[in-house]
PDB file of N, CA and C in Angstrom:
ATOM      1  N   MET A   1      10.916  26.759  11.101  1.00  0.00           N
ATOM      2  CA  MET A   1       9.896  25.735  11.116  1.00  0.00           C
ATOM      3  C   MET A   1      10.401  24.496  10.371  1.00  0.00           C
ATOM      4  N   THR A   2      10.059  23.345  10.880  1.00  0.00           N
ATOM      5  CA  THR A   2      10.432  22.085  10.257  1.00  0.00           C
ATOM      6  C   THR A   2       9.216  21.495   9.565  1.00  0.00           C
ATOM      7  N   ALA A   3       9.387  21.092   8.330  1.00  0.00           N
ATOM      8  CA  ALA A   3       8.300  20.445   7.588  1.00  0.00           C
ATOM      9  C   ALA A   3       8.034  19.064   8.177  1.00  0.00           C
ATOM     10  N   LEU A   4       6.796  18.634   8.064  1.00  0.00           N
ATOM     11  CA  LEU A   4       6.408  17.334   8.581  1.00  0.00           C
ATOM     12  C   LEU A   4       5.539  16.629   7.560  1.00  0.00           C
ATOM     13  N   LEU A   5       5.841  15.369   7.339  1.00  0.00           N
ATOM     14  CA  LEU A   5       5.019  14.508   6.500  1.00  0.00           C
ATOM     15  C   LEU A   5       4.323  13.513   7.405  1.00  0.00           C
ATOM     16  N   ILE A   6       3.006  13.455   7.347  1.00  0.00           N
ATOM     17  CA  ILE A   6       2.218  12.493   8.103  1.00  0.00           C
ATOM     18  C   ILE A   6       1.678  11.476   7.107  1.00  0.00           C
ATOM     19  N   ILE A   7       1.861  10.205   7.400  1.00  0.00           N
ATOM     20  CA  ILE A   7       1.364   9.143   6.530  1.00  0.00           C
ATOM     21  C   ILE A   7       0.224   8.429   7.239  1.00  0.00           C
ATOM     22  N   PHE A   8      -0.971   8.471   6.657  1.00  0.00           N
ATOM     23  CA  PHE A   8      -2.123   7.752   7.177  1.00  0.00           C
ATOM     24  C   PHE A   8      -2.293   6.476   6.364  1.00  0.00           C
ATOM     25  N   ALA A   9      -2.490   5.361   7.033  1.00  0.00           N
ATOM     26  CA  ALA A   9      -2.686   4.084   6.347  1.00  0.00           C
ATOM     27  C   ALA A   9      -3.510   3.160   7.229  1.00  0.00           C
ATOM     28  N   LYS A  10      -4.092   2.174   6.612  1.00  0.00           N
ATOM     29  CA  LYS A  10      -4.812   1.141   7.355  1.00  0.00           C
ATOM     30  C   LYS A  10      -3.853   0.011   7.671  1.00  0.00           C
ATOM     31  N   GLU A  11      -4.132  -0.687   8.766  1.00  0.00           N
ATOM     32  CA  GLU A  11      -3.401  -1.925   9.022  1.00  0.00           C
ATOM     33  C   GLU A  11      -3.804  -2.915   7.934  1.00  0.00           C
ATOM     34  N   PRO A  12      -2.841  -3.620   7.329  1.00  0.00           N
ATOM     35  CA  PRO A  12      -3.176  -4.536   6.228  1.00  0.00           C
ATOM     36  C   PRO A  12      -3.812  -5.841   6.717  1.00  0.00           C
ATOM     37  N   ARG A  13      -5.099  -5.797   6.951  1.00  0.00           N
ATOM     38  CA  ARG A  13      -5.847  -6.984   7.390  1.00  0.00           C
ATOM     39  C   ARG A  13      -6.653  -7.539   6.225  1.00  0.00           C
ATOM     40  N   PRO A  14      -6.659  -8.851   6.035  1.00  0.00           N
ATOM     41  CA  PRO A  14      -7.450  -9.448   4.951  1.00  0.00           C
ATOM     42  C   PRO A  14      -8.915  -9.003   5.023  1.00  0.00           C
ATOM     43  N   GLY A  15      -9.427  -8.576   3.874  1.00  0.00           N
ATOM     44  CA  GLY A  15     -10.816  -8.153   3.778  1.00  0.00           C
ATOM     45  C   GLY A  15     -11.081  -6.731   4.208  1.00  0.00           C
ATOM     46  N   GLN A  16     -10.042  -5.988   4.645  1.00  0.00           N
ATOM     47  CA  GLN A  16     -10.260  -4.637   5.162  1.00  0.00           C
ATOM     48  C   GLN A  16      -9.365  -3.592   4.516  1.00  0.00           C
ATOM     49  N   VAL A  17      -8.752  -3.900   3.385  1.00  0.00           N
ATOM     50  CA  VAL A  17      -7.847  -2.929   2.763  1.00  0.00           C
ATOM     51  C   VAL A  17      -8.212  -2.677   1.310  1.00  0.00           C
ATOM     52  N   LYS A  18      -7.880  -1.495   0.872  1.00  0.00           N
ATOM     53  CA  LYS A  18      -7.919  -1.065  -0.522  1.00  0.00           C
ATOM     54  C   LYS A  18      -9.044  -1.695  -1.335  1.00  0.00           C
ATOM     55  N   ASN A  19     -10.145  -1.014  -1.419  1.00  0.00           N
ATOM     56  CA  ASN A  19     -11.282  -1.499  -2.203  1.00  0.00           C
ATOM     57  C   ASN A  19     -10.902  -1.842  -3.636  1.00  0.00           C
ATOM     58  N   ARG A  20      -9.949  -1.112  -4.194  1.00  0.00           N
ATOM     59  CA  ARG A  20      -9.533  -1.379  -5.579  1.00  0.00           C
ATOM     60  C   ARG A  20      -8.876  -2.746  -5.733  1.00  0.00           C
ATOM     61  N   LEU A  21      -8.412  -3.323  -4.625  1.00  0.00           N
ATOM     62  CA  LEU A  21      -7.750  -4.627  -4.692  1.00  0.00           C
ATOM     63  C   LEU A  21      -8.732  -5.784  -4.484  1.00  0.00           C
ATOM     64  N   SER A  22     -10.013  -5.497  -4.488  1.00  0.00           N
ATOM     65  CA  SER A  22     -11.011  -6.516  -4.153  1.00  0.00           C
ATOM     66  C   SER A  22     -11.054  -7.682  -5.134  1.00  0.00           C
ATOM     67  N   ARG A  23     -10.471  -7.530  -6.292  1.00  0.00           N
ATOM     68  CA  ARG A  23     -10.426  -8.655  -7.245  1.00  0.00           C
ATOM     69  C   ARG A  23      -9.463  -9.746  -6.790  1.00  0.00           C
ATOM     70  N   LEU A  24      -8.538  -9.395  -5.924  1.00  0.00           N
ATOM     71  CA  LEU A  24      -7.612 -10.374  -5.360  1.00  0.00           C
ATOM     72  C   LEU A  24      -8.278 -11.065  -4.187  1.00  0.00           C
ATOM     73  N   CYS A  25      -7.777 -12.225  -3.815  1.00  0.00           N
ATOM     74  CA  CYS A  25      -8.292 -12.846  -2.590  1.00  0.00           C
ATOM     75  C   CYS A  25      -7.900 -11.953  -1.421  1.00  0.00           C
ATOM     76  N   PRO A  26      -8.669 -11.955  -0.321  1.00  0.00           N
ATOM     77  CA  PRO A  26      -8.386 -11.047   0.797  1.00  0.00           C
ATOM     78  C   PRO A  26      -6.957 -11.124   1.334  1.00  0.00           C
ATOM     79  N   GLY A  27      -6.396 -12.326   1.432  1.00  0.00           N
ATOM     80  CA  GLY A  27      -5.030 -12.458   1.934  1.00  0.00           C
ATOM     81  C   GLY A  27      -4.010 -11.830   0.997  1.00  0.00           C
ATOM     82  N   ALA A  28      -4.175 -12.050  -0.297  1.00  0.00           N
ATOM     83  CA  ALA A  28      -3.249 -11.469  -1.277  1.00  0.00           C
ATOM     84  C   ALA A  28      -3.366  -9.951  -1.294  1.00  0.00           C
ATOM     85  N   ALA A  29      -4.583  -9.429  -1.179  1.00  0.00           N
ATOM     86  CA  ALA A  29      -4.780  -7.979  -1.144  1.00  0.00           C
ATOM     87  C   ALA A  29      -4.087  -7.375   0.076  1.00  0.00           C
ATOM     88  N   ALA A  30      -4.219  -8.019   1.225  1.00  0.00           N
ATOM     89  CA  ALA A  30      -3.568  -7.519   2.434  1.00  0.00           C
ATOM     90  C   ALA A  30      -2.050  -7.559   2.304  1.00  0.00           C
ATOM     91  N   GLN A  31      -1.512  -8.619   1.723  1.00  0.00           N
ATOM     92  CA  GLN A  31      -0.057  -8.716   1.537  1.00  0.00           C
ATOM     93  C   GLN A  31       0.444  -7.627   0.586  1.00  0.00           C
ATOM     94  N   LEU A  32      -0.278  -7.390  -0.503  1.00  0.00           N
ATOM     95  CA  LEU A  32       0.124  -6.364  -1.454  1.00  0.00           C
ATOM     96  C   LEU A  32       0.051  -4.979  -0.812  1.00  0.00           C
ATOM     97  N   TYR A  33      -1.023  -4.713  -0.082  1.00  0.00           N
ATOM     98  CA  TYR A  33      -1.165  -3.428   0.594  1.00  0.00           C
ATOM     99  C   TYR A  33      -0.054  -3.227   1.631  1.00  0.00           C
ATOM    100  N   HIS A  34       0.324  -4.301   2.341  1.00  0.00           N
ATOM    101  CA  HIS A  34       1.438  -4.227   3.287  1.00  0.00           C
ATOM    102  C   HIS A  34       2.699  -3.780   2.552  1.00  0.00           C
ATOM    103  N   ARG A  35       2.953  -4.328   1.377  1.00  0.00           N
ATOM    104  CA  ARG A  35       4.118  -3.919   0.586  1.00  0.00           C
ATOM    105  C   ARG A  35       4.001  -2.458   0.165  1.00  0.00           C
ATOM    106  N   PHE A  36       2.771  -2.023  -0.193  1.00  0.00           N
ATOM    107  CA  PHE A  36       2.568  -0.613  -0.543  1.00  0.00           C
ATOM    108  C   PHE A  36       2.976   0.289   0.625  1.00  0.00           C
ATOM    109  N   ILE A  37       2.546  -0.070   1.829  1.00  0.00           N
ATOM    110  CA  ILE A  37       2.875   0.730   3.011  1.00  0.00           C
ATOM    111  C   ILE A  37       4.386   0.782   3.210  1.00  0.00           C
ATOM    112  N   LEU A  38       5.044  -0.374   3.120  1.00  0.00           N
ATOM    113  CA  LEU A  38       6.500  -0.401   3.303  1.00  0.00           C
ATOM    114  C   LEU A  38       7.196   0.433   2.237  1.00  0.00           C
ATOM    115  N   ASP A  39       6.710   0.380   0.994  1.00  0.00           N
ATOM    116  CA  ASP A  39       7.295   1.187  -0.079  1.00  0.00           C
ATOM    117  C   ASP A  39       7.118   2.678   0.195  1.00  0.00           C
ATOM    118  N   ILE A  40       5.920   3.075   0.651  1.00  0.00           N
ATOM    119  CA  ILE A  40       5.670   4.483   0.960  1.00  0.00           C
ATOM    120  C   ILE A  40       6.592   4.943   2.093  1.00  0.00           C
ATOM    121  N   LEU A  41       6.703   4.129   3.156  1.00  0.00           N
ATOM    122  CA  LEU A  41       7.576   4.509   4.271  1.00  0.00           C
ATOM    123  C   LEU A  41       9.028   4.601   3.838  1.00  0.00           C
ATOM    124  N   ASP A  42       9.468   3.683   2.988  1.00  0.00           N
ATOM    125  CA  ASP A  42      10.835   3.722   2.487  1.00  0.00           C
ATOM    126  C   ASP A  42      11.072   4.982   1.653  1.00  0.00           C
ATOM    127  N   GLU A  43      10.137   5.283   0.771  1.00  0.00           N
ATOM    128  CA  GLU A  43      10.252   6.474  -0.073  1.00  0.00           C
ATOM    129  C   GLU A  43      10.254   7.752   0.767  1.00  0.00           C
ATOM    130  N   MET A  44       9.344   7.835   1.719  1.00  0.00           N
ATOM    131  CA  MET A  44       9.213   9.048   2.513  1.00  0.00           C
ATOM    132  C   MET A  44      10.299   9.189   3.574  1.00  0.00           C
ATOM    133  N   ALA A  45      10.971   8.112   3.926  1.00  0.00           N
ATOM    134  CA  ALA A  45      12.053   8.182   4.911  1.00  0.00           C
ATOM    135  C   ALA A  45      13.211   9.041   4.401  1.00  0.00           C
ATOM    136  N   ARG A  46      13.269   9.266   3.105  1.00  0.00           N
ATOM    137  CA  ARG A  46      14.326  10.107   2.530  1.00  0.00           C
ATOM    138  C   ARG A  46      14.073  11.588   2.750  1.00  0.00           C
ATOM    139  N   VAL A  47      12.865  11.930   3.211  1.00  0.00           N
ATOM    140  CA  VAL A  47      12.546  13.321   3.519  1.00  0.00           C
ATOM    141  C   VAL A  47      13.021  13.578   4.946  1.00  0.00           C
ATOM    142  N   PRO A  48      13.987  14.473   5.154  1.00  0.00           N
ATOM    143  CA  PRO A  48      14.562  14.660   6.489  1.00  0.00           C
ATOM    144  C   PRO A  48      13.522  15.005   7.557  1.00  0.00           C
ATOM    145  N   LYS A  49      13.566  14.257   8.665  1.00  0.00           N
ATOM    146  CA  LYS A  49      12.733  14.504   9.841  1.00  0.00           C
ATOM    147  C   LYS A  49      11.251  14.595   9.508  1.00  0.00           C
ATOM    148  N   CYS A  50      10.796  13.822   8.551  1.00  0.00           N
ATOM    149  CA  CYS A  50       9.430  14.056   8.113  1.00  0.00           C
ATOM    150  C   CYS A  50       8.543  12.824   8.015  1.00  0.00           C
ATOM    151  N   ALA A  51       9.010  11.635   8.217  1.00  0.00           N
ATOM    152  CA  ALA A  51       8.164  10.467   7.979  1.00  0.00           C
ATOM    153  C   ALA A  51       7.537   9.965   9.276  1.00  0.00           C
ATOM    154  N   TRP A  52       6.256  10.146   9.425  1.00  0.00           N
ATOM    155  CA  TRP A  52       5.513   9.658  10.584  1.00  0.00           C
ATOM    156  C   TRP A  52       4.350   8.822  10.100  1.00  0.00           C
ATOM    157  N   PRO A  53       4.338   7.513  10.297  1.00  0.00           N
ATOM    158  CA  PRO A  53       3.135   6.757   9.940  1.00  0.00           C
ATOM    159  C   PRO A  53       2.102   6.835  11.055  1.00  0.00           C
ATOM    160  N   TRP A  54       0.897   7.189  10.717  1.00  0.00           N
ATOM    161  CA  TRP A  54      -0.209   7.220  11.683  1.00  0.00           C
ATOM    162  C   TRP A  54      -1.288   6.307  11.163  1.00  0.00           C
ATOM    163  N   PRO A  55      -1.853   5.459  12.000  1.00  0.00           N
ATOM    164  CA  PRO A  55      -2.935   4.600  11.530  1.00  0.00           C
ATOM    165  C   PRO A  55      -4.171   5.420  11.211  1.00  0.00           C
ATOM    166  N   SER A  56      -4.857   5.050  10.129  1.00  0.00           N
ATOM    167  CA  SER A  56      -6.086   5.763   9.781  1.00  0.00           C
ATOM    168  C   SER A  56      -7.273   5.210  10.552  1.00  0.00           C
ATOM    169  N   ALA A  57      -7.070   4.149  11.302  1.00  0.00           N
ATOM    170  CA  ALA A  57      -8.104   3.591  12.172  1.00  0.00           C
ATOM    171  C   ALA A  57      -7.463   3.281  13.521  1.00  0.00           C
ATOM    172  N   PRO A  58      -8.194   3.472  14.604  1.00  0.00           N
ATOM    173  CA  PRO A  58      -7.599   3.310  15.939  1.00  0.00           C
ATOM    174  C   PRO A  58      -7.023   1.923  16.206  1.00  0.00           C
ATOM    175  N   ASN A  59      -7.522   0.886  15.559  1.00  0.00           N
ATOM    176  CA  ASN A  59      -7.063  -0.469  15.856  1.00  0.00           C
ATOM    177  C   ASN A  59      -5.734  -0.820  15.206  1.00  0.00           C
ATOM    178  N   GLY A  60      -5.094   0.072  14.484  1.00  0.00           N
ATOM    179  CA  GLY A  60      -3.853  -0.246  13.801  1.00  0.00           C
ATOM    180  C   GLY A  60      -2.584   0.123  14.546  1.00  0.00           C
ATOM    181  N   ARG A  61      -2.697   0.578  15.786  1.00  0.00           N
ATOM    182  CA  ARG A  61      -1.515   1.081  16.491  1.00  0.00           C
ATOM    183  C   ARG A  61      -0.409   0.045  16.649  1.00  0.00           C
ATOM    184  N   GLY A  62      -0.753  -1.204  16.978  1.00  0.00           N
ATOM    185  CA  GLY A  62       0.279  -2.229  17.187  1.00  0.00           C
ATOM    186  C   GLY A  62       1.100  -2.471  15.941  1.00  0.00           C
ATOM    187  N   PHE A  63       0.435  -2.590  14.809  1.00  0.00           N
ATOM    188  CA  PHE A  63       1.126  -2.808  13.543  1.00  0.00           C
ATOM    189  C   PHE A  63       2.071  -1.649  13.239  1.00  0.00           C
ATOM    190  N   PHE A  64       1.572  -0.420  13.355  1.00  0.00           N
ATOM    191  CA  PHE A  64       2.385   0.740  13.003  1.00  0.00           C
ATOM    192  C   PHE A  64       3.457   1.047  14.034  1.00  0.00           C
ATOM    193  N   ARG A  65       3.253   0.655  15.287  1.00  0.00           N
ATOM    194  CA  ARG A  65       4.282   0.854  16.309  1.00  0.00           C
ATOM    195  C   ARG A  65       5.561   0.124  15.909  1.00  0.00           C
ATOM    196  N   ARG A  66       5.417  -1.053  15.301  1.00  0.00           N
ATOM    197  CA  ARG A  66       6.605  -1.821  14.870  1.00  0.00           C
ATOM    198  C   ARG A  66       7.335  -1.136  13.718  1.00  0.00           C
ATOM    199  N   LEU A  67       6.641  -0.312  12.941  1.00  0.00           N
ATOM    200  CA  LEU A  67       7.245   0.358  11.788  1.00  0.00           C
ATOM    201  C   LEU A  67       7.760   1.759  12.103  1.00  0.00           C
ATOM    202  N   ALA A  68       7.188   2.383  13.113  1.00  0.00           N
ATOM    203  CA  ALA A  68       7.458   3.795  13.380  1.00  0.00           C
ATOM    204  C   ALA A  68       8.764   4.009  14.135  1.00  0.00           C
ATOM    205  N   PRO A  69       9.398   5.149  13.900  1.00  0.00           N
ATOM    206  CA  PRO A  69      10.575   5.498  14.689  1.00  0.00           C
ATOM    207  C   PRO A  69      10.185   5.665  16.157  1.00  0.00           C
ATOM    208  N   PRO A  70      11.118   5.422  17.085  1.00  0.00           N
ATOM    209  CA  PRO A  70      10.818   5.617  18.508  1.00  0.00           C
ATOM    210  C   PRO A  70      10.298   7.030  18.769  1.00  0.00           C
ATOM    211  N   GLY A  71       9.309   7.124  19.643  1.00  0.00           N
ATOM    212  CA  GLY A  71       8.761   8.420  20.008  1.00  0.00           C
ATOM    213  C   GLY A  71       7.672   8.939  19.094  1.00  0.00           C
ATOM    214  N   THR A  72       7.335   8.197  18.049  1.00  0.00           N
ATOM    215  CA  THR A  72       6.297   8.638  17.127  1.00  0.00           C
ATOM    216  C   THR A  72       4.934   8.525  17.791  1.00  0.00           C
ATOM    217  N   ASN A  73       4.132   9.578  17.687  1.00  0.00           N
ATOM    218  CA  ASN A  73       2.778   9.569  18.228  1.00  0.00           C
ATOM    219  C   ASN A  73       1.868   8.929  17.185  1.00  0.00           C
ATOM    220  N   LEU A  74       1.283   7.796  17.542  1.00  0.00           N
ATOM    221  CA  LEU A  74       0.435   7.073  16.597  1.00  0.00           C
ATOM    222  C   LEU A  74      -1.050   7.190  16.929  1.00  0.00           C
ATOM    223  N   SER A  75      -1.439   8.145  17.702  1.00  0.00           N
ATOM    224  CA  SER A  75      -2.821   8.194  18.150  1.00  0.00           C
ATOM    225  C   SER A  75      -3.432   9.571  17.942  1.00  0.00           C
ATOM    226  N   PRO A  76      -3.813   9.908  16.697  1.00  0.00           N
ATOM    227  CA  PRO A  76      -4.434  11.213  16.503  1.00  0.00           C
ATOM    228  C   PRO A  76      -5.827  11.300  17.105  1.00  0.00           C
ATOM    229  N   GLY A  77      -6.502  10.162  17.351  1.00  0.00           N
ATOM    230  CA  GLY A  77      -7.837  10.150  17.941  1.00  0.00           C
ATOM    231  C   GLY A  77      -8.873  10.755  17.026  1.00  0.00           C
ATOM    232  N   GLY A  78     -10.126  10.479  17.302  1.00  0.00           N
ATOM    233  CA  GLY A  78     -11.215  11.029  16.518  1.00  0.00           C
ATOM    234  C   GLY A  78     -12.213   9.966  16.124  1.00  0.00           C
ATOM    235  N   ALA A  79     -13.434  10.396  15.896  1.00  0.00           N
ATOM    236  CA  ALA A  79     -14.531   9.478  15.599  1.00  0.00           C
ATOM    237  C   ALA A  79     -14.448   8.902  14.184  1.00  0.00           C
ATOM    238  N   ASP A  80     -13.875   9.653  13.257  1.00  0.00           N
ATOM    239  CA  ASP A  80     -13.793   9.180  11.875  1.00  0.00           C
ATOM    240  C   ASP A  80     -12.491   9.676  11.253  1.00  0.00           C
ATOM    241  N   LEU A  81     -12.245   9.270  10.020  1.00  0.00           N
ATOM    242  CA  LEU A  81     -10.985   9.610   9.359  1.00  0.00           C
ATOM    243  C   LEU A  81     -10.789  11.120   9.266  1.00  0.00           C
ATOM    244  N   GLY A  82     -11.827  11.864   8.904  1.00  0.00           N
ATOM    245  CA  GLY A  82     -11.704  13.317   8.793  1.00  0.00           C
ATOM    246  C   GLY A  82     -11.306  13.968  10.106  1.00  0.00           C
ATOM    247  N   GLU A  83     -11.908  13.521  11.200  1.00  0.00           N
ATOM    248  CA  GLU A  83     -11.562  14.070  12.507  1.00  0.00           C
ATOM    249  C   GLU A  83     -10.139  13.691  12.900  1.00  0.00           C
ATOM    250  N   ARG A  84      -9.718  12.448  12.607  1.00  0.00           N
ATOM    251  CA  ARG A  84      -8.343  12.047  12.923  1.00  0.00           C
ATOM    252  C   ARG A  84      -7.341  12.874  12.119  1.00  0.00           C
ATOM    253  N   MET A  85      -7.662  13.150  10.848  1.00  0.00           N
ATOM    254  CA  MET A  85      -6.777  13.982  10.033  1.00  0.00           C
ATOM    255  C   MET A  85      -6.696  15.402  10.593  1.00  0.00           C
ATOM    256  N   ALA A  86      -7.846  15.968  10.953  1.00  0.00           N
ATOM    257  CA  ALA A  86      -7.861  17.325  11.511  1.00  0.00           C
ATOM    258  C   ALA A  86      -7.032  17.391  12.792  1.00  0.00           C
ATOM    259  N   ARG A  87      -7.167  16.386  13.652  1.00  0.00           N
ATOM    260  CA  ARG A  87      -6.387  16.370  14.893  1.00  0.00           C
ATOM    261  C   ARG A  87      -4.900  16.193  14.616  1.00  0.00           C
ATOM    262  N   ALA A  88      -4.559  15.399  13.617  1.00  0.00           N
ATOM    263  CA  ALA A  88      -3.146  15.229  13.270  1.00  0.00           C
ATOM    264  C   ALA A  88      -2.539  16.560  12.844  1.00  0.00           C
ATOM    265  N   PHE A  89      -3.268  17.316  12.005  1.00  0.00           N
ATOM    266  CA  PHE A  89      -2.782  18.642  11.609  1.00  0.00           C
ATOM    267  C   PHE A  89      -2.677  19.568  12.820  1.00  0.00           C
ATOM    268  N   ALA A  90      -3.712  19.608  13.633  1.00  0.00           N
ATOM    269  CA  ALA A  90      -3.714  20.513  14.791  1.00  0.00           C
ATOM    270  C   ALA A  90      -2.555  20.207  15.735  1.00  0.00           C
ATOM    271  N   ARG A  91      -2.343  18.938  16.039  1.00  0.00           N
ATOM    272  CA  ARG A  91      -1.244  18.562  16.940  1.00  0.00           C
ATOM    273  C   ARG A  91       0.112  18.878  16.330  1.00  0.00           C
ATOM    274  N   SER A  92       0.236  18.682  15.028  1.00  0.00           N
ATOM    275  CA  SER A  92       1.512  18.955  14.358  1.00  0.00           C
ATOM    276  C   SER A  92       1.839  20.438  14.384  1.00  0.00           C
ATOM    277  N   PHE A  93       0.852  21.276  14.058  1.00  0.00           N
ATOM    278  CA  PHE A  93       1.088  22.720  14.099  1.00  0.00           C
ATOM    279  C   PHE A  93       1.358  23.180  15.529  1.00  0.00           C
ATOM    280  N   ALA A  94       0.635  22.616  16.502  1.00  0.00           N
ATOM    281  CA  ALA A  94       0.853  22.985  17.905  1.00  0.00           C
ATOM    282  C   ALA A  94       2.251  22.592  18.380  1.00  0.00           C
ATOM    283  N   ALA A  95       2.804  21.534  17.791  1.00  0.00           N
ATOM    284  CA  ALA A  95       4.152  21.091  18.155  1.00  0.00           C
ATOM    285  C   ALA A  95       5.230  21.907  17.443  1.00  0.00           C
ATOM    286  N   GLY A  96       4.822  22.862  16.598  1.00  0.00           N
ATOM    287  CA  GLY A  96       5.782  23.741  15.947  1.00  0.00           C
ATOM    288  C   GLY A  96       6.172  23.344  14.545  1.00  0.00           C
ATOM    289  N   PHE A  97       5.547  22.317  13.997  1.00  0.00           N
ATOM    290  CA  PHE A  97       5.859  21.926  12.631  1.00  0.00           C
ATOM    291  C   PHE A  97       5.116  22.820  11.650  1.00  0.00           C
ATOM    292  N   GLY A  98       5.679  22.959  10.467  1.00  0.00           N
ATOM    293  CA  GLY A  98       5.032  23.684   9.390  1.00  0.00           C
ATOM    294  C   GLY A  98       6.028  23.848   8.266  1.00  0.00           C
ATOM    295  N   PRO A  99       5.668  23.629   7.059  1.00  0.00           N
ATOM    296  CA  PRO A  99       4.376  23.130   6.604  1.00  0.00           C
ATOM    297  C   PRO A  99       4.174  21.655   6.973  1.00  0.00           C
ATOM    298  N   VAL A 100       2.900  21.218   6.922  1.00  0.00           N
ATOM    299  CA  VAL A 100       2.546  19.836   7.236  1.00  0.00           C
ATOM    300  C   VAL A 100       1.825  19.254   6.024  1.00  0.00           C
ATOM    301  N   LEU A 101       2.281  18.096   5.583  1.00  0.00           N
ATOM    302  CA  LEU A 101       1.672  17.390   4.460  1.00  0.00           C
ATOM    303  C   LEU A 101       1.159  16.050   4.944  1.00  0.00           C
ATOM    304  N   LEU A 102      -0.049  15.712   4.570  1.00  0.00           N
ATOM    305  CA  LEU A 102      -0.621  14.426   4.927  1.00  0.00           C
ATOM    306  C   LEU A 102      -0.731  13.599   3.657  1.00  0.00           C
ATOM    307  N   ARG A 103      -0.143  12.420   3.704  1.00  0.00           N
ATOM    308  CA  ARG A 103      -0.230  11.480   2.585  1.00  0.00           C
ATOM    309  C   ARG A 103      -1.066  10.296   3.058  1.00  0.00           C
ATOM    310  N   ALA A 104      -2.177  10.052   2.384  1.00  0.00           N
ATOM    311  CA  ALA A 104      -3.063   8.973   2.768  1.00  0.00           C
ATOM    312  C   ALA A 104      -2.854   7.756   1.873  1.00  0.00           C
ATOM    313  N   ALA A 105      -2.719   6.617   2.513  1.00  0.00           N
ATOM    314  CA  ALA A 105      -2.599   5.347   1.781  1.00  0.00           C
ATOM    315  C   ALA A 105      -3.794   4.468   2.154  1.00  0.00           C
ATOM    316  N   THR A 106      -4.974   5.106   2.276  1.00  0.00           N
ATOM    317  CA  THR A 106      -6.173   4.388   2.672  1.00  0.00           C
ATOM    318  C   THR A 106      -7.045   4.095   1.470  1.00  0.00           C
ATOM    319  N   SER A 107      -8.014   3.219   1.663  1.00  0.00           N
ATOM    320  CA  SER A 107      -8.916   2.895   0.550  1.00  0.00           C
ATOM    321  C   SER A 107     -10.040   3.880   0.459  1.00  0.00           C
TER     322      SER A 107
END
């Protein structure tokens, strides 16, 4: 079995990221969160065959497609974050991965 790391994150849009960053202006918060995502992807890329960024909201696919390795499935689907996470685990186990770790970079 091959271990898999799934990274859930929001697209860094002004006014829609990291509630803890709300003291910053929306544009600065989005820029900082974008750097957080890039740092997480860089850090996790060192884990062999394990770094998959998945958007935590359906509207983030375009942003994450530019960051993801070719062939990465960016569409776990689901009505809410919990359902998308459950589907990500189910699809990963069905594809033969295990263990599976989900790292969330959402607010």
